[in-house]
Amino acid sequence: MQDLALHILDLADNSLRAGATRIRVRVVEDPAADRLEVEISDNGRGMDRKTLARALDPFFTTKPGKPVGLGLALFAQAARESGGQLEVESSPRRGTSLKAVFGLRHPDRKPLGDLPGTIDLLKQAHPRVAFDFDYRKRGGEAK
């Protein structure tokens, strides 16, 4: 994927397939710490320990008819390529939370892309789902 907004779109689709009615996307840009944090959380089905242990494996998916599950694996790779990492927490019936950290100024960090447009698209396509989007720049106000 070319930018982080496309990753977020893909991951929100995972949340929707898991039955989420609430999806939160939080982005924090911290120039002083050279960090960009992207957090996505939902109230969907969640994953049991066995599924969670395999969630970052690109050759594992729970989606019927799909041979691979690249979304989380590619998001994790994008974080690692910029000197960061991805953490995934999930439990059945409680939802899933992802937190990716990227090197803000790292030359291999993907651009943010159109985050507001992506969230607006999700809201329009899924009007019954509550989407919460928060973008902050440390040292600045929420956008």
Protein backbone atom coordinates (compact mmCIF):
# COMPACT_ATOMS: atom_id res chain seq x y z
CA MET A 1 0.00 0.00 0.00
CA GLN A 2 1.23 3.42 -0.88
CA ASP A 3 0.25 5.35 2.23
CA LEU A 4 -0.90 4.87 5.79
CA ALA A 5 -4.46 6.00 5.03
CA LEU A 6 -4.85 2.95 2.76
CA HIS A 7 -3.59 0.69 5.54
CA ILE A 8 -6.14 2.26 7.89
CA LEU A 9 -8.91 1.69 5.33
CA ASP A 10 -7.92 -1.98 5.05
CA LEU A 11 -7.70 -2.45 8.81
CA ALA A 12 -11.05 -0.72 9.36
CA ASP A 13 -12.50 -3.21 6.87
CA ASN A 14 -11.18 -6.01 9.12
CA SER A 15 -12.96 -4.37 12.06
CA LEU A 16 -16.19 -4.13 10.10
CA ARG A 17 -15.96 -7.81 9.09
CA ALA A 18 -15.52 -8.61 12.79
CA GLY A 19 -18.85 -6.94 13.54
CA ALA A 20 -17.51 -3.70 15.05
CA THR A 21 -20.02 -0.96 15.70
CA ARG A 22 -17.36 1.43 17.03
CA ILE A 23 -13.97 2.05 15.42
CA ARG A 24 -11.46 4.55 16.78
CA VAL A 25 -8.50 5.83 14.79
CA ARG A 26 -5.96 7.95 16.64
CA VAL A 27 -2.85 9.44 15.05
CA VAL A 28 -0.22 11.25 17.11
CA GLU A 29 2.66 13.02 15.43
CA ASP A 30 5.51 13.78 17.83
CA PRO A 31 8.36 15.63 16.08
CA ALA A 32 10.43 15.99 19.27
CA ALA A 33 10.48 12.21 19.75
CA ASP A 34 10.67 11.49 15.99
CA ARG A 35 7.56 9.29 16.32
CA LEU A 36 4.32 8.81 14.52
CA GLU A 37 1.79 6.63 16.34
CA VAL A 38 -1.25 5.12 14.67
CA GLU A 39 -3.79 3.40 16.90
CA ILE A 40 -6.87 1.59 15.66
CA SER A 41 -9.31 -0.02 18.08
CA ASP A 42 -12.73 -1.60 17.71
CA ASN A 43 -15.44 -3.38 19.65
CA GLY A 44 -15.68 -6.27 17.20
CA ARG A 45 -15.51 -10.01 17.77
CA GLY A 46 -11.87 -9.94 18.81
CA MET A 47 -9.46 -12.85 18.52
CA ASP A 48 -8.70 -15.77 20.75
CA ARG A 49 -5.07 -16.45 21.76
CA LYS A 50 -4.51 -18.96 18.98
CA THR A 51 -5.74 -16.57 16.28
CA LEU A 52 -3.88 -13.62 17.81
CA ALA A 53 -0.63 -15.62 17.79
CA ARG A 54 -0.95 -16.03 14.02
CA ALA A 55 -2.46 -12.61 13.20
CA LEU A 56 0.76 -11.18 11.71
CA ASP A 57 1.44 -14.25 9.57
CA PRO A 58 0.77 -13.23 5.94
CA PHE A 59 -0.22 -16.82 5.10
CA PHE A 60 -2.97 -16.94 7.74
CA THR A 61 -6.47 -15.53 7.42
CA THR A 62 -9.88 -16.12 8.92
CA LYS A 63 -11.65 -14.72 5.85
CA PRO A 64 -13.41 -17.43 3.87
CA GLY A 65 -12.17 -17.84 0.30
CA LYS A 66 -8.93 -15.91 0.82
CA PRO A 67 -5.62 -17.77 0.80
CA VAL A 68 -3.63 -15.04 2.55
CA GLY A 69 -4.14 -12.31 5.15
CA LEU A 70 -1.78 -9.51 4.25
CA GLY A 71 -3.37 -6.50 6.00
CA LEU A 72 -1.79 -6.75 9.45
CA ALA A 73 1.45 -8.23 8.08
CA LEU A 74 1.93 -5.34 5.66
CA PHE A 75 1.07 -2.76 8.34
CA ALA A 76 3.64 -4.35 10.67
CA GLN A 77 6.21 -4.37 7.87
CA ALA A 78 5.58 -0.69 7.14
CA ALA A 79 6.20 0.13 10.81
CA ARG A 80 9.40 -1.96 10.95
CA GLU A 81 10.74 -0.40 7.74
CA SER A 82 10.64 2.99 9.45
CA GLY A 83 12.31 1.75 12.62
CA GLY A 84 9.07 1.13 14.48
CA GLN A 85 6.85 -1.75 15.47
CA LEU A 86 3.25 -2.95 15.69
CA GLU A 87 1.52 -4.21 18.84
CA VAL A 88 -1.78 -6.08 18.66
CA GLU A 89 -4.07 -6.75 21.61
CA SER A 90 -7.31 -8.65 21.30
CA SER A 91 -9.68 -10.85 23.23
CA PRO A 92 -12.93 -12.54 22.26
CA ARG A 93 -16.04 -10.35 22.50
CA ARG A 94 -13.94 -7.35 23.58
CA GLY A 95 -12.47 -6.23 20.28
CA THR A 96 -9.03 -5.55 18.95
CA SER A 97 -6.50 -2.72 19.40
CA LEU A 98 -3.53 -2.03 17.17
CA LYS A 99 -0.74 0.40 17.95
CA ALA A 100 1.88 1.07 15.30
CA VAL A 101 4.88 3.29 15.90
CA PHE A 102 6.78 4.74 12.94
CA GLY A 103 9.95 6.77 12.73
CA LEU A 104 8.46 10.15 11.82
CA ARG A 105 11.43 11.38 9.78
CA HIS A 106 12.64 7.97 8.62
CA PRO A 107 13.11 8.02 4.83
CA ASP A 108 11.19 4.74 4.47
CA ARG A 109 8.11 5.88 6.40
CA LYS A 110 5.08 5.87 4.16
CA PRO A 111 3.23 9.18 3.81
CA LEU A 112 0.04 9.67 5.80
CA GLY A 113 -2.16 10.08 2.75
CA ASP A 114 -5.68 11.48 2.96
CA LEU A 115 -6.66 10.50 6.51
CA PRO A 116 -9.71 12.81 6.80
CA GLY A 117 -10.95 11.65 3.39
CA THR A 118 -10.49 8.02 4.37
CA ILE A 119 -12.47 8.47 7.59
CA ASP A 120 -15.20 10.40 5.74
CA LEU A 121 -15.44 7.57 3.19
CA LEU A 122 -15.80 5.01 5.97
CA LYS A 123 -18.47 7.11 7.70
CA GLN A 124 -20.47 7.51 4.50
CA ALA A 125 -20.19 3.84 3.55
CA HIS A 126 -21.09 2.61 7.06
CA PRO A 127 -23.49 5.13 8.62
CA ARG A 128 -24.47 2.77 11.45
CA VAL A 129 -20.88 2.46 12.67
CA ALA A 130 -19.47 5.07 15.05
CA PHE A 131 -16.09 6.22 13.75
CA ASP A 132 -13.94 8.32 16.04
CA PHE A 133 -10.95 10.02 14.41
CA ASP A 134 -8.39 11.99 16.39
CA TYR A 135 -5.22 13.51 14.95
CA ARG A 136 -2.79 15.29 17.23
CA LYS A 137 0.56 16.87 16.77
CA ARG A 138 2.47 17.04 20.04
CA GLY A 139 3.01 20.63 20.89
CA GLY A 140 -0.19 21.47 19.01
CA GLU A 141 -3.95 21.19 19.23
CA ALA A 142 -6.11 18.29 18.10
CA LYS A 143 -7.21 18.47 14.47
